Protein backbone atom coordinates (compact mmCIF):
# COMPACT_ATOMS: atom_id res chain seq x y z
CA MET A 1 -159.88 82.20 17.57
CA LYS A 2 -162.44 84.42 19.19
CA LYS A 3 -164.04 86.84 16.75
CA TYR A 4 -163.41 90.43 17.81
CA TYR A 5 -164.74 93.56 16.18
CA ILE A 6 -162.01 96.12 15.77
CA TRP A 7 -164.48 98.76 14.57
CA ILE A 8 -165.87 99.05 18.12
CA LEU A 9 -162.43 99.95 19.36
CA LEU A 10 -161.68 102.36 16.57
CA GLY A 11 -165.00 104.06 17.17
CA CYS A 12 -164.00 104.62 20.78
CA LEU A 13 -160.60 106.02 19.89
CA GLY A 14 -161.74 108.05 16.94
CA PHE A 15 -158.69 107.66 14.72
CA THR A 16 -158.09 106.39 11.22
CA ALA A 17 -155.14 104.07 10.69
CA CYS A 18 -152.42 104.60 8.09
CA ASP A 19 -150.38 102.39 5.80
CA ASN A 20 -147.23 104.46 5.46
CA LEU A 21 -145.04 106.23 7.97
CA ASP A 22 -145.86 109.63 6.49
CA GLN A 23 -149.60 109.40 7.17
CA GLU A 24 -150.67 110.62 10.60
CA PRO A 25 -153.87 109.41 12.26
CA GLU A 26 -155.91 111.97 14.16
CA SER A 27 -156.99 111.30 17.73
CA THR A 28 -160.27 112.99 18.57
CA ALA A 29 -161.83 111.12 21.50
CA THR A 30 -160.92 110.96 25.18
CA LYS A 31 -158.82 108.00 26.17
CA SER A 32 -160.20 107.26 29.62
CA ALA A 33 -162.99 104.98 28.34
CA VAL A 34 -160.33 102.67 26.95
CA PHE A 35 -157.23 103.15 29.09
CA GLY A 36 -158.87 103.90 32.44
CA ASN A 37 -160.19 100.40 33.14
CA GLU A 38 -159.33 96.76 32.51
CA SER A 39 -162.33 96.21 30.23
CA GLY A 40 -161.07 98.91 27.88
CA LEU A 41 -157.55 97.50 27.87
CA LYS A 42 -158.88 94.03 27.13
CA LEU A 43 -161.08 95.33 24.30
CA TYR A 44 -158.14 97.13 22.71
CA THR A 45 -155.71 94.21 22.95
CA ASN A 46 -158.37 91.82 21.67
CA SER A 47 -158.26 93.79 18.42
CA PHE A 48 -154.64 92.73 17.92
CA TYR A 49 -155.77 89.18 17.14
CA ASN A 50 -157.11 90.39 13.79
CA MET A 51 -153.98 92.21 12.61
CA GLY A 52 -153.01 91.58 9.03
CA PHE A 53 -149.47 90.28 9.55
CA LEU A 54 -150.64 87.29 11.60
CA PRO A 55 -151.45 83.83 10.22
CA ARG A 56 -155.00 82.96 11.21
CA ASN A 57 -157.12 80.64 9.10
CA SER A 58 -154.65 79.84 6.33
CA THR A 59 -153.46 76.28 5.73
CA SER A 60 -151.55 77.19 2.57
CA GLN A 61 -148.58 79.18 3.88
CA ASP A 62 -145.99 76.70 2.61
CA ALA A 63 -147.12 77.20 -1.00
CA VAL A 64 -143.83 79.09 -1.35
CA SER A 65 -141.34 76.42 -0.33
CA ASP A 66 -138.83 74.03 -1.82
CA TYR A 67 -140.83 70.87 -1.22
CA LEU A 68 -144.11 71.69 -2.98
CA ALA A 69 -144.70 71.64 -6.72
CA VAL A 70 -147.41 74.17 -7.50
CA ARG A 71 -149.50 75.42 -10.38
CA SER A 72 -147.21 78.33 -11.31
CA VAL A 73 -143.78 79.68 -10.43
CA ASP A 74 -143.76 82.55 -7.95
CA PRO A 75 -142.51 85.71 -9.74
CA PHE A 76 -140.00 86.31 -6.94
CA PHE A 77 -137.97 83.38 -8.29
CA GLN A 78 -137.94 84.51 -11.91
CA ASP A 79 -136.20 87.19 -13.94
CA GLY A 80 -138.00 90.48 -13.91
CA TYR A 81 -138.99 90.73 -10.26
CA SER A 82 -138.16 94.22 -8.99
CA ALA A 83 -139.01 96.90 -6.48
CA VAL A 84 -142.02 97.75 -8.62
CA SER A 85 -143.39 94.25 -7.91
CA SER A 86 -142.63 94.27 -4.18
CA SER A 87 -145.02 94.89 -1.31
CA GLY A 88 -145.25 94.65 2.47
CA TRP A 89 -143.89 98.03 3.60
CA SER A 90 -147.06 98.69 5.63
CA TRP A 91 -147.10 100.09 9.17
CA THR A 92 -150.78 100.37 10.08
CA ASP A 93 -150.71 97.60 12.65
CA LEU A 94 -147.57 98.96 14.30
CA ARG A 95 -149.16 102.33 14.91
CA ASN A 96 -152.17 100.75 16.56
CA ILE A 97 -149.87 98.73 18.84
CA ASN A 98 -147.69 101.73 19.69
CA TYR A 99 -150.72 103.89 20.41
CA PHE A 100 -151.76 101.38 23.05
CA ILE A 101 -148.27 101.05 24.56
CA VAL A 102 -147.79 104.81 24.88
CA ASN A 103 -151.22 105.40 26.41
CA CYS A 104 -151.53 102.40 28.73
CA ASN A 105 -150.44 104.35 31.79
CA ASP A 106 -153.60 105.33 33.67
CA PRO A 107 -152.86 105.08 37.42
CA LYS A 108 -156.47 104.04 38.09
CA VAL A 109 -155.55 100.63 36.66
CA PRO A 110 -153.25 98.52 38.89
CA VAL A 111 -149.69 98.19 37.60
CA GLU A 112 -149.89 94.39 37.32
CA VAL A 113 -153.03 94.64 35.21
CA ARG A 114 -151.51 97.29 32.96
CA ASN A 115 -148.33 95.28 32.54
CA ASN A 116 -150.30 92.20 31.52
CA TYR A 117 -151.92 94.04 28.63
CA LEU A 118 -148.69 95.86 27.82
CA GLY A 119 -147.12 92.41 27.65
CA ILE A 120 -149.70 91.34 25.07
CA ALA A 121 -149.10 94.54 23.06
CA ARG A 122 -145.35 94.10 23.15
CA TYR A 123 -145.73 90.45 22.12
CA TYR A 124 -147.49 91.64 19.00
CA ARG A 125 -144.94 94.37 18.36
CA ALA A 126 -142.19 91.74 18.54
CA TYR A 127 -144.18 89.58 16.10
CA PHE A 128 -144.75 92.52 13.76
CA TYR A 129 -141.08 93.44 13.66
CA MET A 130 -139.91 89.85 13.27
CA GLU A 131 -142.00 89.55 10.12
CA LYS A 132 -140.55 92.84 8.80
CA ILE A 133 -136.98 91.73 9.57
CA LYS A 134 -137.52 88.43 7.77
CA ARG A 135 -138.88 90.21 4.71
CA PHE A 136 -136.67 93.29 4.44
CA GLY A 137 -133.68 92.96 6.76
CA ASP A 138 -132.95 96.38 8.25
CA VAL A 139 -136.09 98.40 9.02
CA PRO A 140 -136.78 101.58 11.01
CA TRP A 141 -137.51 100.96 14.67
CA ILE A 142 -140.59 102.97 15.61
CA GLY A 143 -141.47 102.78 19.29
CA LYS A 144 -144.24 105.37 19.41
CA PRO A 145 -147.12 106.67 17.28
CA LEU A 146 -145.50 109.34 15.10
CA GLU A 147 -146.58 112.97 14.88
CA ILE A 148 -146.77 114.67 11.51
CA ASP A 149 -143.50 116.56 12.03
CA ASP A 150 -141.53 113.67 13.53
CA PRO A 151 -138.08 113.37 11.84
CA ALA A 152 -138.43 109.58 11.89
CA LEU A 153 -140.90 109.87 9.02
CA ASN A 154 -138.02 110.72 6.72
CA GLY A 155 -135.28 108.88 8.54
CA PRO A 156 -133.16 105.91 7.48
CA ARG A 157 -133.58 102.29 8.48
CA ASP A 158 -132.04 101.02 11.70
CA LYS A 159 -129.49 98.24 11.76
CA ARG A 160 -130.74 94.69 12.27
CA GLU A 161 -128.91 94.47 15.58
CA VAL A 162 -130.71 97.55 16.95
CA VAL A 163 -134.13 96.36 15.87
CA MET A 164 -133.64 92.81 17.11
CA ASP A 165 -132.40 93.99 20.51
CA SER A 166 -135.69 95.89 20.82
CA VAL A 167 -137.64 92.85 19.65
CA LEU A 168 -135.93 90.76 22.32
CA ALA A 169 -136.76 93.36 24.96
CA ASP A 170 -140.41 93.28 23.88
CA ILE A 171 -140.75 89.50 23.98
CA ASN A 172 -138.92 89.34 27.32
CA PHE A 173 -141.38 91.84 28.75
CA ALA A 174 -144.27 89.78 27.38
CA CYS A 175 -142.92 86.57 28.92
CA ALA A 176 -142.42 88.24 32.29
CA ASN A 177 -145.73 90.11 32.50
CA ILE A 178 -148.49 88.19 30.70
CA THR A 179 -150.35 86.63 33.59
CA ALA A 180 -152.53 83.95 31.95
CA THR A 181 -150.85 80.56 31.98
CA THR A 182 -153.70 78.67 30.39
CA ASP A 183 -156.70 79.19 28.16
CA ALA A 184 -159.12 76.31 27.83
CA THR A 185 -160.15 77.50 24.35
CA ARG A 186 -156.52 77.66 23.16
CA SER A 187 -157.43 80.84 21.25
CA THR A 188 -155.55 83.60 23.12
CA ILE A 189 -152.02 84.60 24.05
CA THR A 190 -150.74 83.10 27.29
CA LYS A 191 -147.40 83.21 29.02
CA TYR A 192 -146.46 79.89 27.40
CA VAL A 193 -147.40 81.12 23.94
CA ALA A 194 -145.08 84.08 24.53
CA TYR A 195 -142.25 81.76 25.58
CA ALA A 196 -142.91 79.51 22.59
CA TYR A 197 -142.74 82.50 20.27
CA LYS A 198 -139.54 83.66 21.96
CA SER A 199 -137.99 80.27 21.20
CA ARG A 200 -139.10 80.60 17.56
CA LEU A 201 -137.79 84.11 16.95
CA CYS A 202 -134.52 83.59 18.84
CA LEU A 203 -133.84 80.38 16.91
CA PHE A 204 -134.42 82.24 13.66
CA GLU A 205 -132.11 85.07 14.61
CA GLY A 206 -129.40 82.86 16.09
CA THR A 207 -129.15 80.58 13.07
CA PHE A 208 -129.51 83.49 10.63
CA ARG A 209 -126.51 85.19 12.23
CA LYS A 210 -124.53 81.95 12.33
CA TYR A 211 -124.99 81.03 8.68
CA HIS A 212 -125.19 84.49 7.10
CA THR A 213 -121.55 85.25 7.63
CA GLU A 214 -121.81 88.33 5.39
CA LEU A 215 -123.45 90.11 8.36
CA SER A 216 -120.34 89.60 10.53
CA LEU A 217 -122.63 88.78 13.46
CA GLN A 218 -121.52 85.18 14.06
CA SER A 219 -120.08 86.10 17.45
CA THR A 220 -123.56 87.04 18.69
CA ALA A 221 -125.35 83.96 17.37
CA ASN A 222 -124.87 81.80 20.46
CA SER A 223 -126.55 84.35 22.71
CA TRP A 224 -129.69 84.13 20.59
CA LEU A 225 -129.50 80.35 20.45
CA THR A 226 -129.18 80.19 24.23
CA ASN A 227 -132.26 82.39 24.55
CA ALA A 228 -134.11 80.06 22.18
CA ALA A 229 -133.17 76.97 24.16
CA ASP A 230 -134.00 78.57 27.51
CA ALA A 231 -137.42 79.76 26.31
CA ALA A 232 -138.30 76.35 24.91
CA LYS A 233 -137.10 74.65 28.10
CA TYR A 234 -139.34 76.92 30.16
CA VAL A 235 -142.37 75.62 28.26
CA MET A 236 -141.13 72.03 28.49
CA ASP A 237 -140.59 72.24 32.25
CA ASN A 238 -143.63 74.30 33.26
CA GLY A 239 -146.32 74.24 30.59
CA GLY A 240 -147.70 70.75 31.15
CA TYR A 241 -147.97 70.03 27.41
CA THR A 242 -147.36 66.65 25.80
CA ILE A 243 -147.30 65.21 22.30
CA ASN A 244 -150.70 63.86 21.31
CA THR A 245 -150.65 60.07 21.07
CA ALA A 246 -154.38 59.38 21.36
CA GLY A 247 -155.55 56.68 18.96
CA GLY A 248 -152.08 55.36 18.24
CA ALA A 249 -149.21 56.17 15.92
CA GLY A 250 -151.31 55.70 12.78
CA VAL A 251 -153.71 58.58 13.51
CA SER A 252 -152.48 60.74 16.39
CA TYR A 253 -150.31 63.09 14.29
CA ARG A 254 -152.97 64.04 11.75
CA GLN A 255 -155.64 64.35 14.43
CA VAL A 256 -153.90 67.52 15.62
CA PHE A 257 -154.71 69.17 12.27
CA ILE A 258 -158.21 67.91 11.51
CA SER A 259 -159.75 68.14 14.97
CA THR A 260 -162.66 70.57 15.32
CA LEU A 261 -161.36 71.74 18.70
CA PRO A 262 -157.65 72.21 19.38
CA VAL A 263 -155.97 69.11 20.80
CA ALA A 264 -155.31 70.77 24.14
CA THR A 265 -152.50 68.46 25.25
CA GLU A 266 -150.29 69.60 22.36
CA VAL A 267 -151.70 72.87 20.99
CA LEU A 268 -150.76 76.11 22.77
CA GLN A 269 -152.76 78.42 20.50
CA ALA A 270 -155.00 77.90 17.49
CA THR A 271 -157.42 79.59 15.16
CA ILE A 272 -160.78 78.10 16.02
CA SER A 273 -163.55 77.65 13.49
CA ASP A 274 -167.11 78.46 14.46
CA LEU A 275 -169.95 77.30 12.25
CA ALA A 276 -172.51 79.50 14.02
CA LEU A 277 -170.42 82.63 13.42
CA ASN A 278 -169.41 81.48 9.92
CA VAL A 279 -165.75 81.55 10.94
CA LEU A 280 -164.46 78.75 8.72
CA ASN A 281 -161.38 77.90 6.69
CA GLU A 282 -160.91 76.64 3.14
CA ALA A 283 -158.43 73.80 3.61
CA ASN A 284 -160.38 71.21 1.62
CA TRP A 285 -161.16 73.61 -1.18
CA TRP A 286 -157.53 74.70 -1.49
CA TRP A 287 -156.02 71.20 -1.22
CA THR A 288 -158.49 69.21 -3.37
CA SER A 289 -159.68 71.54 -6.13
CA GLY A 290 -158.26 71.27 -9.62
CA THR A 291 -159.19 74.89 -10.35
CA TYR A 292 -158.80 76.71 -7.01
CA GLY A 293 -155.61 77.06 -5.02
CA ALA A 294 -152.09 76.13 -6.10
CA LYS A 295 -152.60 72.39 -6.71
CA ALA A 296 -149.65 71.89 -4.39
CA SER A 297 -148.06 68.45 -4.06
CA PHE A 298 -144.86 67.26 -2.44
CA THR A 299 -141.77 66.53 -4.44
CA ARG A 300 -140.23 63.08 -4.42
CA THR A 301 -136.91 64.50 -3.24
CA PHE A 302 -138.61 65.53 0.00
CA ILE A 303 -140.75 62.40 0.36
CA ASN A 304 -137.50 60.42 0.21
CA THR A 305 -136.42 62.03 3.52
CA TYR A 306 -139.07 60.13 5.52
CA LEU A 307 -137.30 57.39 7.45
CA LYS A 308 -138.18 53.72 7.52
CA LEU A 309 -139.95 52.48 10.64
CA ASP A 310 -136.71 51.03 11.99
CA GLY A 311 -135.20 54.53 11.99
CA THR A 312 -132.87 54.03 9.03
CA PRO A 313 -132.90 56.25 5.91
CA TYR A 314 -135.22 55.02 3.18
CA THR A 315 -132.58 56.02 0.64
CA ASN A 316 -130.13 53.46 2.05
CA ASP A 317 -131.99 50.97 -0.15
CA PRO A 318 -130.41 51.27 -3.62
CA ALA A 319 -133.76 50.31 -5.17
CA TYR A 320 -135.43 53.52 -3.93
CA ARG A 321 -134.90 55.34 -7.22
CA THR A 322 -137.23 53.00 -9.11
CA MET A 323 -139.55 52.03 -6.27
CA LEU A 324 -143.21 52.15 -7.25
CA PHE A 325 -145.55 54.41 -5.31
CA LYS A 326 -147.47 51.52 -3.74
CA ASP A 327 -144.22 50.16 -2.30
CA GLU A 328 -142.36 53.31 -1.35
CA VAL A 329 -145.09 54.38 1.09
CA LYS A 330 -144.88 51.11 3.05
CA ASN A 331 -142.82 50.56 6.20
CA ARG A 332 -142.20 54.30 6.50
CA ASP A 333 -142.52 56.93 9.23
CA LEU A 334 -146.28 56.87 9.91
CA ARG A 335 -146.54 60.62 9.48
CA LEU A 336 -146.18 59.97 5.74
CA LYS A 337 -149.54 58.20 5.47
CA GLN A 338 -151.05 60.99 7.59
CA THR A 339 -149.62 63.69 5.32
CA ILE A 340 -150.32 62.37 1.80
CA ARG A 341 -152.90 60.12 0.13
CA SER A 342 -151.51 56.60 0.16
CA GLY A 343 -152.25 53.02 1.06
CA ASP A 344 -155.59 52.62 2.80
CA TYR A 345 -156.59 56.32 2.82
CA LYS A 346 -160.33 56.75 2.31
CA ARG A 347 -162.73 59.63 1.89
CA ILE A 348 -166.37 59.85 2.89
CA SER A 349 -169.19 60.44 0.44
CA ASN A 350 -172.76 60.49 1.76
CA GLY A 351 -171.62 58.61 4.82
CA THR A 352 -169.81 55.89 2.88
CA GLN A 353 -166.04 55.41 2.94
CA ILE A 354 -164.48 55.17 -0.51
CA PRO A 355 -160.85 54.45 -1.50
CA ALA A 356 -159.02 57.67 -2.32
CA PRO A 357 -155.71 57.31 -4.18
CA PRO A 358 -153.92 60.43 -5.47
CA LEU A 359 -156.01 62.26 -8.07
CA PHE A 360 -154.22 63.46 -11.17
CA SER A 361 -156.90 66.04 -11.78
CA TYR A 362 -155.16 67.72 -8.81
CA THR A 363 -151.64 66.45 -8.26
CA PHE A 364 -148.63 67.01 -10.51
CA THR A 365 -146.32 64.65 -8.61
CA GLY A 366 -148.55 61.94 -7.14
CA TYR A 367 -147.87 63.02 -3.55
CA GLN A 368 -151.18 64.71 -2.73
CA PRO A 369 -151.39 66.27 0.77
CA ILE A 370 -154.13 65.41 3.26
CA LYS A 371 -152.64 66.90 6.43
CA TRP A 372 -155.18 69.73 6.66
CA THR A 373 -158.14 68.26 4.79
CA LEU A 374 -161.22 66.68 6.31
CA ASP A 375 -162.10 63.30 4.87
CA ASP A 376 -165.73 64.10 4.05
CA ILE A 377 -165.98 65.44 0.48
CA TYR A 378 -168.78 67.76 1.66
CA TYR A 379 -166.08 70.24 2.71
CA ASP A 380 -164.40 70.36 -0.74
CA ALA A 381 -166.66 72.93 -2.38
CA GLY A 382 -165.82 76.22 -0.68
CA ALA A 383 -164.67 77.74 2.60
CA LEU A 384 -166.49 75.18 4.75
CA ASN A 385 -163.82 73.61 6.95
CA ILE A 386 -164.50 73.44 10.67
CA ASN A 387 -161.10 72.15 11.83
CA ALA A 388 -159.01 74.24 14.22
CA ILE A 389 -155.66 75.44 12.87
CA PRO A 390 -152.75 75.20 15.33
CA LEU A 391 -150.57 78.31 15.46
CA PHE A 392 -148.26 77.12 18.22
CA ARG A 393 -147.86 73.50 19.26
CA TYR A 394 -145.60 71.63 21.60
CA ALA A 395 -143.90 69.71 18.80
CA GLU A 396 -142.40 72.95 17.50
CA VAL A 397 -141.16 73.83 21.00
CA LEU A 398 -139.34 70.48 21.19
CA LEU A 399 -137.81 71.05 17.75
CA ASN A 400 -136.74 74.59 18.65
CA TYR A 401 -135.04 73.28 21.78
CA ALA A 402 -133.28 70.45 19.96
CA GLU A 403 -132.05 72.67 17.15
CA ALA A 404 -130.83 75.47 19.41
CA LYS A 405 -128.93 72.97 21.57
CA VAL A 406 -127.35 71.14 18.64
CA GLU A 407 -126.29 74.44 17.06
CA LEU A 408 -124.70 75.33 20.39
CA GLY A 409 -123.00 71.93 20.41
CA THR A 410 -124.56 70.94 23.74
CA LEU A 411 -127.42 68.55 22.84
CA THR A 412 -127.12 65.40 24.95
CA ASP A 413 -128.50 61.91 24.31
CA VAL A 414 -131.07 62.51 27.04
CA GLU A 415 -132.22 65.72 25.33
CA TRP A 416 -132.33 63.95 21.96
CA ALA A 417 -134.63 61.33 23.49
CA GLN A 418 -136.82 64.02 25.08
CA THR A 419 -137.29 65.86 21.78
CA ILE A 420 -136.54 64.09 18.49
CA GLY A 421 -137.03 60.69 20.09
CA VAL A 422 -140.49 61.64 21.37
CA LEU A 423 -141.61 62.92 17.97
CA ARG A 424 -140.32 59.89 16.12
CA ALA A 425 -141.89 57.52 18.62
CA ARG A 426 -145.26 59.18 17.97
CA ALA A 427 -144.65 58.43 14.28
CA GLY A 428 -144.15 54.70 14.94
CA ILE A 429 -140.36 54.77 14.44
CA THR A 430 -138.59 52.24 16.66
CA GLY A 431 -134.86 52.82 16.13
CA GLY A 432 -132.54 55.64 17.12
CA LEU A 433 -134.88 57.16 19.70
CA THR A 434 -132.52 57.35 22.67
CA THR A 435 -129.11 58.18 21.24
CA LYS A 436 -127.91 60.79 18.79
CA PRO A 437 -126.87 59.66 15.30
CA THR A 438 -123.18 59.34 14.55
CA VAL A 439 -123.23 59.00 10.77
CA ALA A 440 -124.31 61.74 8.36
CA ASP A 441 -126.99 60.68 5.86
CA PRO A 442 -125.41 61.23 2.43
CA TYR A 443 -128.84 61.82 0.87
CA LEU A 444 -129.45 64.85 3.10
CA VAL A 445 -125.96 66.17 2.47
CA THR A 446 -126.22 65.80 -1.31
CA ASN A 447 -129.75 67.03 -1.80
CA TYR A 448 -130.26 69.55 0.99
CA PHE A 449 -127.28 70.58 3.11
CA PRO A 450 -123.94 70.14 1.33
CA GLY A 451 -122.14 72.34 3.84
CA ILE A 452 -123.26 70.38 6.92
CA THR A 453 -121.23 67.43 8.20
CA ASP A 454 -122.70 67.14 11.71
CA PRO A 455 -125.11 64.16 11.58
CA VAL A 456 -127.17 65.51 14.48
CA ILE A 457 -127.81 68.86 12.79
CA LEU A 458 -128.84 66.99 9.66
CA GLU A 459 -131.29 64.77 11.54
CA VAL A 460 -132.82 67.67 13.48
CA ARG A 461 -133.41 69.47 10.19
CA ARG A 462 -134.91 66.32 8.67
CA GLU A 463 -137.25 66.04 11.62
CA ARG A 464 -138.26 69.68 11.45
CA GLY A 465 -139.09 69.46 7.76
CA ILE A 466 -141.28 66.40 8.25
CA GLU A 467 -142.99 67.26 11.54
CA LEU A 468 -143.80 70.88 10.58
CA SER A 469 -144.55 70.32 6.91
CA LEU A 470 -147.30 72.56 5.48
CA GLU A 471 -147.42 74.68 8.65
CA GLY A 472 -145.71 77.77 7.24
CA PHE A 473 -142.17 77.28 8.56
CA ARG A 474 -140.28 75.97 5.57
CA TYR A 475 -139.39 79.16 3.71
CA SER A 476 -138.27 80.89 6.92
CA ASP A 477 -136.08 77.86 7.67
CA ILE A 478 -134.53 78.04 4.20
CA LEU A 479 -133.75 81.72 4.76
CA ARG A 480 -132.10 81.28 8.14
CA TRP A 481 -130.08 78.23 7.05
CA LYS A 482 -128.91 80.19 4.00
CA ARG A 483 -130.18 77.51 1.64
CA GLY A 484 -132.06 79.70 -0.81
CA SER A 485 -130.87 77.66 -3.77
CA LEU A 486 -133.25 74.90 -2.63
CA MET A 487 -136.00 77.04 -4.13
CA THR A 488 -134.71 76.03 -7.57
CA GLN A 489 -134.81 72.30 -6.85
CA GLU A 490 -136.54 70.19 -9.48
CA TRP A 491 -140.24 69.53 -8.98
CA ASN A 492 -140.24 65.74 -9.30
CA GLY A 493 -142.87 63.09 -8.68
CA PHE A 494 -143.23 59.36 -8.26
CA TYR A 495 -141.59 56.79 -10.51
CA VAL A 496 -143.43 55.60 -13.63
CA PRO A 497 -141.95 52.37 -15.06
CA SER A 498 -143.53 52.55 -18.51
CA LEU A 499 -146.08 54.27 -20.71
CA VAL A 500 -149.71 53.19 -21.18
CA THR A 501 -149.69 50.55 -18.43
CA PRO A 502 -152.35 51.46 -15.81
CA ILE A 503 -151.18 51.60 -12.19
CA ASP A 504 -153.04 50.62 -9.03
CA LEU A 505 -151.76 53.24 -6.60
CA ASN A 506 -153.35 51.98 -3.40
CA GLU A 507 -153.56 48.23 -4.07
CA ASP A 508 -157.32 48.06 -3.79
CA GLY A 509 -157.59 46.11 -7.06
CA ILE A 510 -158.78 49.17 -8.99
CA LEU A 511 -156.50 50.68 -11.65
CA ASP A 512 -156.07 54.41 -11.12
CA VAL A 513 -153.75 56.17 -13.58
CA ALA A 514 -151.75 55.64 -16.76
CA PHE A 515 -149.32 57.86 -18.62
CA TYR A 516 -149.09 58.12 -22.38
CA GLN A 517 -147.61 60.13 -25.22
CA GLY A 518 -149.28 61.11 -28.45
CA THR A 519 -152.81 59.77 -28.76
CA ALA A 520 -154.68 58.52 -25.72
CA PRO A 521 -155.04 54.73 -25.62
CA SER A 522 -158.23 53.31 -27.04
CA PRO A 523 -160.19 51.62 -25.71
CA ALA A 524 -159.57 53.28 -22.37
CA VAL A 525 -159.67 51.20 -19.19
CA ALA A 526 -162.72 52.22 -17.19
CA GLY A 527 -161.93 54.40 -14.17
CA VAL A 528 -158.34 55.11 -15.20
CA THR A 529 -157.13 58.70 -15.45
CA TYR A 530 -154.91 59.08 -18.52
CA VAL A 531 -152.16 61.69 -18.26
CA ASN A 532 -150.42 62.96 -21.39
CA VAL A 533 -146.67 63.27 -20.85
CA SER A 534 -145.79 64.17 -24.45
CA PRO A 535 -143.11 66.88 -24.74
CA LYS A 536 -145.65 68.90 -26.71
CA ILE A 537 -149.44 68.92 -26.78
CA GLY A 538 -150.43 70.54 -30.04
CA ASN A 539 -148.30 73.63 -30.43
CA ASN A 540 -147.76 74.03 -26.69
CA THR A 541 -144.94 72.76 -24.50
CA ASN A 542 -146.17 70.24 -21.94
CA SER A 543 -145.14 70.86 -18.33
CA GLN A 544 -145.72 67.31 -17.05
CA LEU A 545 -143.15 64.83 -18.37
CA LEU A 546 -141.25 61.69 -17.48
CA LYS A 547 -137.61 62.23 -16.63
CA ASN A 548 -136.30 59.53 -18.98
CA GLY A 549 -138.71 60.29 -21.76
CA THR A 550 -140.88 57.18 -21.65
CA SER A 551 -140.22 56.22 -18.03
CA GLY A 552 -138.77 57.64 -14.83
CA GLU A 553 -139.86 60.19 -12.25
CA LEU A 554 -142.62 62.59 -13.13
CA THR A 555 -141.35 66.13 -13.57
CA TRP A 556 -143.31 69.35 -13.51
CA MET A 557 -142.57 72.73 -15.14
CA ASN A 558 -138.90 72.11 -15.88
CA GLU A 559 -139.28 74.40 -18.88
CA ILE A 560 -139.80 77.44 -16.63
CA SER A 561 -136.62 78.57 -14.96
CA ARG A 562 -136.62 79.25 -11.24
CA LYS A 563 -133.69 81.34 -10.06
CA TRP A 564 -131.80 82.02 -6.89
CA PHE A 565 -129.33 84.67 -7.92
CA ASP A 566 -125.67 84.26 -7.08
CA ASN A 567 -125.58 87.62 -5.29
CA ASP A 568 -128.09 86.22 -2.75
CA LYS A 569 -130.25 89.32 -3.00
CA GLN A 570 -133.37 87.16 -2.55
CA TYR A 571 -132.73 86.66 1.15
CA TYR A 572 -134.60 89.97 1.38
CA TYR A 573 -137.39 91.48 -0.64
CA PRO A 574 -136.73 94.82 -2.29
CA ILE A 575 -138.18 97.93 -0.69
CA PRO A 576 -141.29 98.74 -2.77
CA GLN A 577 -140.53 101.46 -5.30
CA VAL A 578 -143.35 103.75 -4.20
CA ASP A 579 -142.11 103.74 -0.59
CA LEU A 580 -138.53 104.35 -1.66
CA GLN A 581 -139.67 107.37 -3.65
CA THR A 582 -141.56 108.70 -0.64
CA ASN A 583 -138.50 108.39 1.61
CA PRO A 584 -135.20 107.92 -0.26
CA ALA A 585 -133.32 107.77 3.08
CA ILE A 586 -134.43 104.17 3.65
CA LYS A 587 -132.37 103.12 0.60
CA GLN A 588 -132.81 99.97 -1.42
CA ASN A 589 -131.67 96.52 -0.33
CA PRO A 590 -128.39 95.31 -1.86
CA ASN A 591 -128.47 94.28 -5.54
CA TRP A 592 -132.12 95.32 -5.99
CA GLN A 593 -131.26 98.76 -7.34
């Protein structure tokens, strides 16, 4: 993304931003330099790209999800989390957006020009409020920069319906009035980005209302789902985007995430790295370091959802439970080998390719992600990554369309082929691309969605989980599907048939890892990493064990309880205690008192 300097703008306007609704910025400079010409409007709206609620250069947003085992349990899923621990009730960015919207009215600037920049501002206000709704539920709708004596400073929260109607009005205005339809750099907001975001937020709201029956808003869900489908279809019909297939099914998926420049055929908007400006990301550091980051690895339960190349469920094979790693990664959806270290994956050291099986100095489960990491180990030692990070891509638009239509009960075979079929074909899958499934996969029902019997809904959700893995969607999906209990799912890893016996994980003839209890084997086999899976190491409980004691799936941190409380209070965060004390009228979220 282009690097903009918000301090230039703030110097022009002469105000200091605030975090809380009871802090009032002071405006001291004239506005004409900013609002009286297009250059000023562009400068102001460019500052929105740096706002704190937006994902920019992070490749680790799914660290809080059901399908990643990580270094430590998030406090939100343990006893003791409270309003004192909570955060996020910050309104600085909203005031800056509202200040622009209220003041972008200078008649010297043509109406179409003003509306374009107002569209960008209202896009960001919709984005801001969507993030607040997802985190807290009901929030106060503030449509203007507040004065010090404004009653809204001490007012209550507005109902979800009120806020979301305003969010929809904002994103509709953005879609109608943003004039740019393309950006060769893929770094800015265009009309198609706005439509893509509309499909995302409307899908969230429609499914949230459908499955959260406690809100009594089910009757309004279909309207939101229709909006989601229509917005996605607009991009599909007019945007000119396609799924990247360059290089073939074995590489084209991952190329979207490791390319230095955005893959323009598929990516609508991205954060762009710039070595000259030192605008870089830390993907390699976060995903390869044994000391930095969360040491996040996929669980076996999730890896089992990847289909076989013929389009049938991998778990139809009764031998899947004891399948060795080297075998379970074969003949599978080719996105698997582009998402985790497996098979013939290699890294580059001083220009030489070297085999790179999963490293147990990093992984707890054996399923070590590579989706965001560059293959050259040069990038491992700090924030050095030069790959662009997609924020909106066409694959998500197709998934949004398919899910909205299936939730409405109107997805046809033709639409299945245009969406899920296209994505699976890119992954090398050959079966089931043109017609909807008719049989529900019992593995998905048992392990993920026990309340869902529609096989098409199940398959769309499977596809979404796989295609968008590690892109920051998973926890939001869990919330809207009302499947919070998935956050307590066991962190399991690949199958280990026996202790002490070294395993060749990638079949290159080199033994990689062995698991033992008690004293490490001696003499050790050269090059083998030995992992202690004793229930205790010294006086301390060991977190990495084998499920059957001396064999079975790896497990991680089973001794630390993760909770999703029966009262479902965790679908929202508590209002932070300090903010509740400042304005008691906002009241605490249910069951967080």
